[in-house]
Amino acid sequence: MKNTINLNTEHIGQPIPQEYIQKAIEASQKLINGKFSNWTGWLQLPLKTNKTAITEITDYIRSLKQKIDILLVIGIGGSYTGAKAIISALTDDFTPPKVIFAGYNLSEKQTYSIFNYLKNKNFGICVISKSGTTTEPAISFRIFRKLLIDKLGEQEANQRIIAITDPKDNALHNMARKNGYKLFFIPPDIGGRYSVLTPVGLVPTAFADIDIKQLINGATDMAQSIINNKDNIAIRYAAIRNFLYHKGYSVELLVSYTPYLRYFAQWWIQLFGESEGKENKGIFPSSVSFTTDLHSLGQFIQQGSKILFETVLNFTEKANYIEIPYQEDNSDNLNYLHGKHIAEVNKKAFLGTLKAHTDGGVPNIIIDIPDLNEYFLGQLIYFFEFSCATSGIMLGINPFDQPGVEFYKKNMFKLLGKPGF
């Protein structure tokens, strides 16, 4: 690839033993050869997502936009974090939203706020669930489906509802067939947190006017690079993480220097946390947004317990927006910055922080991203998915299940009096 994300390993503080690279290669080959799990449909997904599949989504979205202005996406976990991550990365905070999200919590206050916002809006619903019975999104779907029916009548409301679900029979699939919702399917061999490049992520992002073809192109190029080269950046990232984990670094901070990647960090946290946190093993994934969090967590990172390492998403923000002005009295002593752009200052903050933290004994992995756009986000998504699966296999766990998630549900169902609990 001529333009690609790059892994900078110069700031880890110590060389990575070759044995970890070899273990990562062996783990990755288990994935690629299909010898580890049946939940690896995401591996070849970008290569199989052809022009016809993309056109089906974009054509449908184009027709839907003739009816609605806002798409309410209802889902939890992997059913919303990927789309939210991409949309937040590529749109600004002050443009009226085309896509809003619900069903990812049980906050009555937030649900009521969304309800009040939508009741006078021209909206449709995209409900995403492999089963249709997950509590949080199922409750939201009941509420907002009723709102839509009360506004438009059932027949017209049904024309504005999209269901994204498993192709096999389930509650949501059957409801969609019965009521004539538009159906898109999640491949049965892809789990929720690996589903962002399926209709789960592509349908909402297409509605937000994001170029899903370029997203898939980036993921495709990264997949080809990884699958065709045993020693690649995803392998090295997995090897470094496992090496640092065995050296006592049990917390990984995903760092960015822009608030537009804050929800990408949430997608990353679920991907790694749900994949690796099992059998009393795993690196705890967290995130920080600099320079904001340097004024809160910066102290701990610099001088606290040496359990942290950082993975920094580094892209060069274009310096073409706001230039720092000259001020006659120089009361804030900032005239030395006169004529510079904020992006220049932010870049120096990154370099200064990098030196401070590495001098303080905090290993830093740098992922250089040429630009923040659909193509490179597609690369980054596939890179992290492959690295995560490889890293989990290296830990000796299954990175594709999540048995611990069911414990809170069973307790909640019992407390609510659900039959059978």
Protein backbone atom coordinates (compact mmCIF):
# COMPACT_ATOMS: atom_id res chain seq x y z
CA MET A 1 0.00 0.00 0.00
CA LYS A 2 1.34 3.43 -0.92
CA ASN A 3 -0.60 5.17 1.84
CA THR A 4 -1.09 3.23 5.02
CA ILE A 5 -1.18 3.51 8.76
CA ASN A 6 2.19 2.81 10.33
CA LEU A 7 3.30 1.25 13.62
CA ASN A 8 6.08 3.20 15.36
CA THR A 9 7.79 1.04 18.01
CA GLU A 10 10.69 3.38 18.84
CA HIS A 11 9.25 4.50 22.18
CA ILE A 12 8.56 1.20 23.94
CA GLY A 13 11.77 1.47 25.94
CA GLN A 14 13.08 -2.02 25.25
CA PRO A 15 13.37 -4.42 22.30
CA ILE A 16 10.62 -6.96 21.76
CA PRO A 17 11.99 -10.52 22.01
CA GLN A 18 11.65 -12.45 18.77
CA GLU A 19 9.79 -15.22 20.59
CA TYR A 20 6.78 -12.90 21.01
CA ILE A 21 6.80 -12.06 17.31
CA GLN A 22 6.91 -15.78 16.51
CA LYS A 23 4.02 -16.55 18.89
CA ALA A 24 1.97 -13.78 17.29
CA ILE A 25 2.68 -15.17 13.82
CA GLU A 26 1.60 -18.64 14.96
CA ALA A 27 -1.58 -17.27 16.53
CA SER A 28 -2.43 -15.30 13.39
CA GLN A 29 -1.96 -18.34 11.20
CA LYS A 30 -4.51 -20.23 13.30
CA LEU A 31 -6.95 -17.44 12.50
CA ILE A 32 -6.18 -17.28 8.80
CA ASN A 33 -6.23 -21.06 8.36
CA GLY A 34 -9.64 -21.30 10.05
CA LYS A 35 -8.35 -23.66 12.74
CA PHE A 36 -9.35 -21.67 15.80
CA SER A 37 -12.99 -20.59 15.61
CA ASN A 38 -16.09 -20.44 13.43
CA TRP A 39 -16.51 -16.76 14.36
CA THR A 40 -14.00 -15.41 11.87
CA GLY A 41 -16.21 -14.23 9.02
CA TRP A 42 -14.83 -10.72 9.53
CA LEU A 43 -11.40 -11.88 8.30
CA GLN A 44 -12.42 -12.04 4.64
CA LEU A 45 -15.39 -9.68 4.92
CA PRO A 46 -13.83 -6.59 3.27
CA LEU A 47 -12.61 -8.73 0.38
CA LYS A 48 -16.13 -10.12 -0.11
CA THR A 49 -18.03 -6.83 0.23
CA ASN A 50 -18.49 -6.12 -3.44
CA LYS A 51 -19.84 -3.13 -5.30
CA THR A 52 -23.32 -4.67 -5.42
CA ALA A 53 -23.57 -4.90 -1.62
CA ILE A 54 -22.46 -1.29 -1.19
CA THR A 55 -24.81 -0.10 -3.92
CA GLU A 56 -27.76 -1.87 -2.27
CA ILE A 57 -27.15 0.08 0.93
CA THR A 58 -26.48 3.44 -0.71
CA ASP A 59 -29.48 3.16 -3.07
CA TYR A 60 -31.80 2.25 -0.22
CA ILE A 61 -30.49 5.10 1.94
CA ARG A 62 -30.99 7.54 -0.93
CA SER A 63 -34.64 6.54 -1.23
CA LEU A 64 -35.15 6.57 2.55
CA LYS A 65 -33.86 10.14 2.74
CA GLN A 66 -36.78 11.24 0.61
CA LYS A 67 -39.01 10.29 3.55
CA ILE A 68 -36.99 11.10 6.67
CA ASP A 69 -34.45 13.61 7.96
CA ILE A 70 -33.17 11.71 11.01
CA LEU A 71 -32.35 8.03 11.53
CA LEU A 72 -32.68 6.72 15.08
CA VAL A 73 -30.25 3.81 15.50
CA ILE A 74 -31.22 1.44 18.30
CA GLY A 75 -28.59 -1.02 19.53
CA ILE A 76 -26.12 -1.77 22.29
CA GLY A 77 -22.48 -2.90 22.37
CA GLY A 78 -21.20 -3.82 18.94
CA SER A 79 -24.59 -2.91 17.48
CA TYR A 80 -23.89 0.78 17.88
CA THR A 81 -20.29 1.55 18.93
CA GLY A 82 -18.76 1.07 15.47
CA ALA A 83 -21.21 3.34 13.65
CA LYS A 84 -21.00 5.91 16.44
CA ALA A 85 -17.19 5.80 16.25
CA ILE A 86 -17.07 6.44 12.50
CA ILE A 87 -19.76 9.11 12.45
CA SER A 88 -18.21 10.99 15.38
CA ALA A 89 -14.76 10.86 13.80
CA LEU A 90 -15.90 12.30 10.47
CA THR A 91 -18.60 14.84 11.39
CA ASP A 92 -18.44 17.96 13.53
CA ASP A 93 -20.28 18.63 16.78
CA PHE A 94 -22.48 21.47 15.57
CA THR A 95 -24.06 20.19 12.37
CA PRO A 96 -27.66 19.08 13.09
CA PRO A 97 -27.46 15.31 13.53
CA LYS A 98 -28.64 13.00 10.77
CA VAL A 99 -28.13 9.92 12.98
CA ILE A 100 -28.84 9.66 16.70
CA PHE A 101 -28.49 6.65 18.96
CA ALA A 102 -30.68 5.03 21.60
CA GLY A 103 -31.08 1.65 23.28
CA TYR A 104 -27.55 1.46 24.67
CA ASN A 105 -28.53 2.20 28.27
CA LEU A 106 -31.51 2.18 30.64
CA SER A 107 -31.55 5.88 31.46
CA GLU A 108 -35.14 7.08 31.54
CA LYS A 109 -34.02 10.70 31.44
CA GLN A 110 -32.03 10.24 28.23
CA THR A 111 -34.77 8.17 26.62
CA TYR A 112 -37.31 10.88 27.47
CA SER A 113 -35.00 13.56 26.01
CA ILE A 114 -34.69 11.63 22.74
CA PHE A 115 -38.45 11.06 22.72
CA ASN A 116 -39.14 14.78 23.09
CA TYR A 117 -36.58 15.62 20.41
CA LEU A 118 -38.08 13.19 17.89
CA LYS A 119 -41.78 13.68 18.47
CA ASN A 120 -41.87 16.67 16.11
CA LYS A 121 -39.19 15.39 13.74
CA ASN A 122 -39.41 13.43 10.51
CA PHE A 123 -37.55 10.29 11.60
CA GLY A 124 -37.09 6.61 10.90
CA ILE A 125 -35.70 3.74 12.95
CA CYS A 126 -32.81 1.34 12.39
CA VAL A 127 -32.97 -1.40 15.03
CA ILE A 128 -29.92 -3.65 15.29
CA SER A 129 -29.92 -6.90 17.22
CA LYS A 130 -28.89 -10.49 16.52
CA SER A 131 -31.92 -11.72 18.47
CA GLY A 132 -34.36 -8.87 18.96
CA THR A 133 -34.70 -9.70 22.65
CA THR A 134 -31.71 -7.89 24.17
CA THR A 135 -33.30 -5.87 26.97
CA GLU A 136 -31.97 -2.34 26.42
CA PRO A 137 -32.58 -2.03 22.66
CA ALA A 138 -35.83 -4.04 22.81
CA ILE A 139 -37.29 -1.57 25.33
CA SER A 140 -36.22 1.40 23.21
CA PHE A 141 -37.62 -0.16 20.06
CA ARG A 142 -41.00 -0.65 21.73
CA ILE A 143 -41.09 2.98 22.82
CA PHE A 144 -39.93 4.61 19.58
CA ARG A 145 -41.84 2.26 17.30
CA LYS A 146 -45.02 3.27 19.14
CA LEU A 147 -44.09 6.95 18.74
CA LEU A 148 -43.61 6.45 15.01
CA ILE A 149 -46.91 4.55 14.65
CA ASP A 150 -48.79 7.18 16.66
CA LYS A 151 -47.41 9.88 14.32
CA LEU A 152 -47.89 8.14 10.98
CA GLY A 153 -50.04 5.08 11.34
CA GLU A 154 -48.71 1.53 11.31
CA GLN A 155 -48.46 1.05 7.55
CA GLU A 156 -46.41 4.20 6.92
CA ALA A 157 -44.33 3.69 10.08
CA ASN A 158 -43.32 0.21 8.91
CA GLN A 159 -41.92 1.73 5.71
CA ARG A 160 -39.51 3.78 7.81
CA ILE A 161 -38.09 0.95 9.92
CA ILE A 162 -34.89 -0.97 9.13
CA ALA A 163 -34.06 -4.20 10.94
CA ILE A 164 -30.47 -5.47 10.95
CA THR A 165 -30.33 -8.95 12.42
CA ASP A 166 -29.27 -12.57 12.05
CA PRO A 167 -30.51 -14.30 8.87
CA LYS A 168 -31.93 -17.16 10.97
CA ASP A 169 -35.34 -16.96 12.61
CA ASN A 170 -35.43 -14.82 15.72
CA ALA A 171 -37.78 -12.32 17.34
CA LEU A 172 -36.61 -9.31 15.32
CA HIS A 173 -36.32 -11.20 12.04
CA ASN A 174 -39.86 -12.53 12.39
CA MET A 175 -41.23 -9.10 13.33
CA ALA A 176 -39.54 -7.56 10.30
CA ARG A 177 -40.98 -10.16 7.93
CA LYS A 178 -44.46 -9.78 9.43
CA ASN A 179 -44.48 -5.97 9.24
CA GLY A 180 -42.50 -5.42 6.06
CA TYR A 181 -39.45 -3.69 7.54
CA LYS A 182 -36.41 -3.31 5.33
CA LEU A 183 -34.06 -6.16 6.28
CA PHE A 184 -30.28 -6.29 6.26
CA PHE A 185 -28.41 -9.27 7.68
CA ILE A 186 -25.42 -9.73 9.97
CA PRO A 187 -23.34 -12.66 8.70
CA PRO A 188 -23.88 -15.52 11.18
CA ASP A 189 -20.13 -16.08 11.58
CA ILE A 190 -19.43 -12.52 12.77
CA GLY A 191 -19.94 -11.44 16.39
CA GLY A 192 -21.20 -8.02 17.41
CA ARG A 193 -17.92 -6.34 18.26
CA TYR A 194 -16.41 -7.45 14.92
CA SER A 195 -19.46 -6.33 12.92
CA VAL A 196 -18.71 -2.68 12.14
CA LEU A 197 -17.94 -3.40 8.47
CA THR A 198 -21.24 -5.26 7.99
CA PRO A 199 -24.60 -3.46 7.55
CA VAL A 200 -24.46 -2.89 11.33
CA GLY A 201 -21.96 -0.10 10.72
CA LEU A 202 -22.46 0.63 7.04
CA VAL A 203 -26.18 1.47 7.06
CA PRO A 204 -26.04 4.18 9.77
CA THR A 205 -22.80 5.67 8.42
CA ALA A 206 -24.19 5.81 4.89
CA PHE A 207 -27.18 7.77 6.22
CA ALA A 208 -24.68 10.21 7.77
CA ASP A 209 -23.26 10.87 4.25
CA ILE A 210 -20.05 8.96 4.92
CA ASP A 211 -18.41 7.23 1.97
CA ILE A 212 -18.78 3.57 2.88
CA LYS A 213 -17.04 2.49 -0.32
CA GLN A 214 -13.83 4.20 0.84
CA LEU A 215 -14.27 2.68 4.30
CA ILE A 216 -14.37 -0.80 2.76
CA ASN A 217 -11.49 0.04 0.39
CA GLY A 218 -9.28 0.92 3.36
CA ALA A 219 -10.23 -2.26 5.21
CA THR A 220 -9.66 -4.32 2.06
CA ASP A 221 -6.17 -2.95 1.51
CA MET A 222 -5.27 -3.58 5.15
CA ALA A 223 -6.71 -7.12 5.04
CA GLN A 224 -4.68 -7.96 1.94
CA SER A 225 -1.52 -6.55 3.51
CA ILE A 226 -2.00 -8.52 6.73
CA ILE A 227 -3.17 -11.83 5.27
CA ASN A 228 -0.45 -11.91 2.62
CA ASN A 229 2.44 -11.04 4.97
CA LYS A 230 3.19 -13.10 8.06
CA ASP A 231 5.25 -10.34 9.71
CA ASN A 232 2.99 -7.27 9.59
CA ILE A 233 1.98 -4.34 11.78
CA ALA A 234 -1.00 -6.16 13.31
CA ILE A 235 1.24 -9.07 14.32
CA ARG A 236 3.78 -6.70 15.84
CA TYR A 237 1.16 -4.77 17.78
CA ALA A 238 -0.24 -8.01 19.24
CA ALA A 239 3.29 -9.17 20.12
CA ILE A 240 4.18 -5.88 21.83
CA ARG A 241 0.97 -5.86 23.87
CA ASN A 242 1.58 -9.40 25.12
CA PHE A 243 5.22 -8.69 25.90
CA LEU A 244 4.31 -5.59 27.92
CA TYR A 245 1.51 -7.50 29.69
CA HIS A 246 3.96 -10.16 30.83
CA LYS A 247 6.30 -7.40 32.03
CA GLY A 248 3.55 -6.16 34.38
CA TYR A 249 1.88 -3.50 32.23
CA SER A 250 -1.76 -4.51 32.72
CA VAL A 251 -3.56 -1.33 31.56
CA GLU A 252 -3.51 0.03 28.02
CA LEU A 253 -4.56 3.61 27.33
CA LEU A 254 -5.70 4.45 23.82
CA VAL A 255 -4.60 8.06 23.36
CA SER A 256 -5.73 10.62 20.83
CA TYR A 257 -5.17 14.34 20.51
CA THR A 258 -8.60 15.13 19.11
CA PRO A 259 -12.05 14.80 20.69
CA TYR A 260 -13.34 13.44 17.39
CA LEU A 261 -11.83 10.03 18.23
CA ARG A 262 -13.42 9.72 21.67
CA TYR A 263 -16.11 7.32 20.44
CA PHE A 264 -13.61 5.40 18.34
CA ALA A 265 -11.91 4.74 21.67
CA GLN A 266 -15.19 3.36 23.05
CA TRP A 267 -15.41 0.94 20.10
CA TRP A 268 -11.80 -0.10 20.74
CA ILE A 269 -12.48 -0.58 24.47
CA GLN A 270 -15.34 -2.98 23.78
CA LEU A 271 -13.37 -4.84 21.13
CA PHE A 272 -10.40 -5.54 23.40
CA GLY A 273 -12.19 -5.66 26.75
CA GLU A 274 -14.84 -8.17 25.71
CA SER A 275 -12.39 -10.21 23.67
CA GLU A 276 -9.52 -10.53 26.17
CA GLY A 277 -11.01 -10.17 29.64
CA LYS A 278 -11.53 -13.82 30.58
CA GLU A 279 -10.16 -16.53 32.84
CA ASN A 280 -8.60 -13.86 35.09
CA LYS A 281 -6.44 -12.71 32.19
CA GLY A 282 -6.24 -9.72 29.90
CA ILE A 283 -5.04 -6.14 29.55
CA PHE A 284 -7.56 -3.61 30.87
CA PRO A 285 -8.42 -1.23 27.99
CA SER A 286 -9.09 2.42 28.75
CA SER A 287 -8.70 5.69 26.90
CA VAL A 288 -7.73 9.33 27.31
CA SER A 289 -8.18 12.41 25.16
CA PHE A 290 -5.22 14.76 25.25
CA THR A 291 -4.49 17.47 25.99
CA THR A 292 -7.73 17.59 28.03
CA ASP A 293 -6.94 14.58 30.21
CA LEU A 294 -3.36 15.68 30.81
CA HIS A 295 -4.96 18.05 33.30
CA SER A 296 -6.57 15.16 35.20
CA LEU A 297 -4.97 11.76 34.54
CA GLY A 298 -1.66 13.15 33.34
CA GLN A 299 -0.30 13.16 36.89
CA PHE A 300 -1.06 9.47 37.43
CA ILE A 301 0.33 8.47 34.03
CA GLN A 302 3.55 10.37 34.72
CA GLN A 303 4.23 9.35 38.30
CA GLY A 304 1.64 6.77 39.39
CA SER A 305 1.81 2.98 39.48
CA LYS A 306 3.83 1.62 36.60
CA ILE A 307 1.02 -0.53 35.21
CA LEU A 308 0.21 1.63 32.18
CA PHE A 309 1.30 1.71 28.58
CA GLU A 310 -0.07 3.97 25.87
CA THR A 311 -1.13 3.37 22.28
CA VAL A 312 -1.31 6.75 20.56
CA LEU A 313 -3.42 7.44 17.49
CA ASN A 314 -1.32 10.09 15.78
CA PHE A 315 -2.52 11.92 12.70
CA THR A 316 -1.51 15.32 11.45
CA GLU A 317 -4.44 17.67 11.79
CA LYS A 318 -4.54 20.12 8.91
CA ALA A 319 -3.38 23.60 10.01
CA ASN A 320 -5.84 25.58 7.94
CA TYR A 321 -8.51 26.70 10.33
CA ILE A 322 -7.54 29.07 13.13
CA GLU A 323 -4.34 31.09 13.44
CA ILE A 324 -3.39 32.42 16.88
CA PRO A 325 -3.69 36.24 16.77
CA TYR A 326 -1.34 38.94 18.04
CA GLN A 327 -2.41 40.80 21.20
CA GLU A 328 -1.01 44.28 21.96
CA ASP A 329 -0.68 44.01 25.73
CA ASN A 330 0.43 40.34 25.66
CA SER A 331 -1.20 39.94 29.07
CA ASP A 332 -1.37 36.16 28.63
CA ASN A 333 2.27 35.96 27.42
CA LEU A 334 1.23 34.12 24.27
CA ASN A 335 2.60 36.44 21.62
CA TYR A 336 5.41 33.96 21.02
CA LEU A 337 2.70 31.81 19.39
CA HIS A 338 1.49 34.61 17.12
CA GLY A 339 0.96 33.34 13.58
CA LYS A 340 0.96 29.67 14.52
CA HIS A 341 -2.04 27.42 14.07
CA ILE A 342 -3.58 25.47 16.95
CA ALA A 343 -2.66 22.26 15.10
CA GLU A 344 1.02 23.20 15.38
CA VAL A 345 0.69 23.70 19.13
CA ASN A 346 -1.18 20.39 19.45
CA LYS A 347 1.60 18.56 17.60
CA LYS A 348 4.23 19.98 19.96
CA ALA A 349 2.02 18.95 22.89
CA PHE A 350 2.07 15.41 21.54
CA LEU A 351 5.86 15.38 21.16
CA GLY A 352 6.38 16.92 24.59
CA THR A 353 4.01 14.45 26.24
CA LEU A 354 5.62 11.53 24.44
CA LYS A 355 9.03 12.48 25.82
CA ALA A 356 7.68 13.13 29.33
CA HIS A 357 5.83 9.82 29.56
CA THR A 358 8.57 7.68 28.08
CA ASP A 359 11.13 9.39 30.33
CA GLY A 360 8.77 8.51 33.19
CA GLY A 361 8.82 4.83 32.29
CA VAL A 362 5.55 4.59 30.35
CA PRO A 363 5.98 2.60 27.10
CA ASN A 364 4.37 4.25 24.06
CA ILE A 365 3.20 2.57 20.87
CA ILE A 366 2.52 5.10 18.12
CA ILE A 367 0.09 4.42 15.29
CA ASP A 368 0.70 7.04 12.60
CA ILE A 369 -2.41 7.77 10.52
CA PRO A 370 -1.88 9.81 7.33
CA ASP A 371 -5.31 11.46 7.55
CA LEU A 372 -8.59 11.15 9.42
CA ASN A 373 -10.92 9.98 6.66
CA GLU A 374 -12.98 6.95 5.62
CA TYR A 375 -10.12 5.13 3.92
CA PHE A 376 -7.74 5.23 6.86
CA LEU A 377 -10.49 4.53 9.40
CA GLY A 378 -11.24 1.39 7.39
CA GLN A 379 -7.58 0.42 7.65
CA LEU A 380 -7.50 1.14 11.38
CA ILE A 381 -10.65 -0.87 12.10
CA TYR A 382 -9.36 -3.98 10.36
CA PHE A 383 -5.91 -3.56 11.91
CA PHE A 384 -7.38 -3.53 15.42
CA GLU A 385 -9.77 -6.43 14.75
CA PHE A 386 -6.95 -8.65 13.52
CA SER A 387 -4.58 -7.56 16.30
CA CYS A 388 -7.22 -8.18 18.95
CA ALA A 389 -8.03 -11.69 17.79
CA THR A 390 -4.33 -12.54 17.51
CA SER A 391 -3.57 -11.09 20.93
CA GLY A 392 -6.38 -13.09 22.53
CA ILE A 393 -5.16 -16.35 21.06
CA MET A 394 -1.67 -15.54 22.38
CA LEU A 395 -3.21 -15.16 25.85
CA GLY A 396 -4.72 -18.61 25.58
CA ILE A 397 -8.35 -17.50 25.60
CA ASN A 398 -11.19 -17.43 23.08
CA PRO A 399 -11.43 -13.85 21.77
CA PHE A 400 -14.87 -14.44 20.22
CA ASP A 401 -17.13 -15.27 23.18
CA GLN A 402 -18.32 -13.22 26.17
CA PRO A 403 -19.79 -15.57 28.80
CA GLY A 404 -19.33 -13.06 31.63
CA VAL A 405 -21.83 -10.64 30.08
CA GLU A 406 -24.71 -12.97 30.96
CA PHE A 407 -24.23 -12.74 34.74
CA TYR A 408 -25.70 -9.26 35.19
CA LYS A 409 -28.58 -10.13 32.87
CA LYS A 410 -29.60 -13.19 34.91
CA ASN A 411 -29.58 -11.19 38.14
CA MET A 412 -31.54 -8.33 36.56
CA PHE A 413 -34.15 -10.68 35.08
CA LYS A 414 -34.63 -12.36 38.46
CA LEU A 415 -35.06 -9.00 40.22
CA LEU A 416 -37.56 -7.86 37.56
CA GLY A 417 -39.59 -11.04 37.89
CA LYS A 418 -39.03 -12.36 34.37
CA PRO A 419 -40.65 -15.81 33.94
CA GLY A 420 -38.10 -18.59 34.23
CA PHE A 421 -35.72 -16.56 36.42
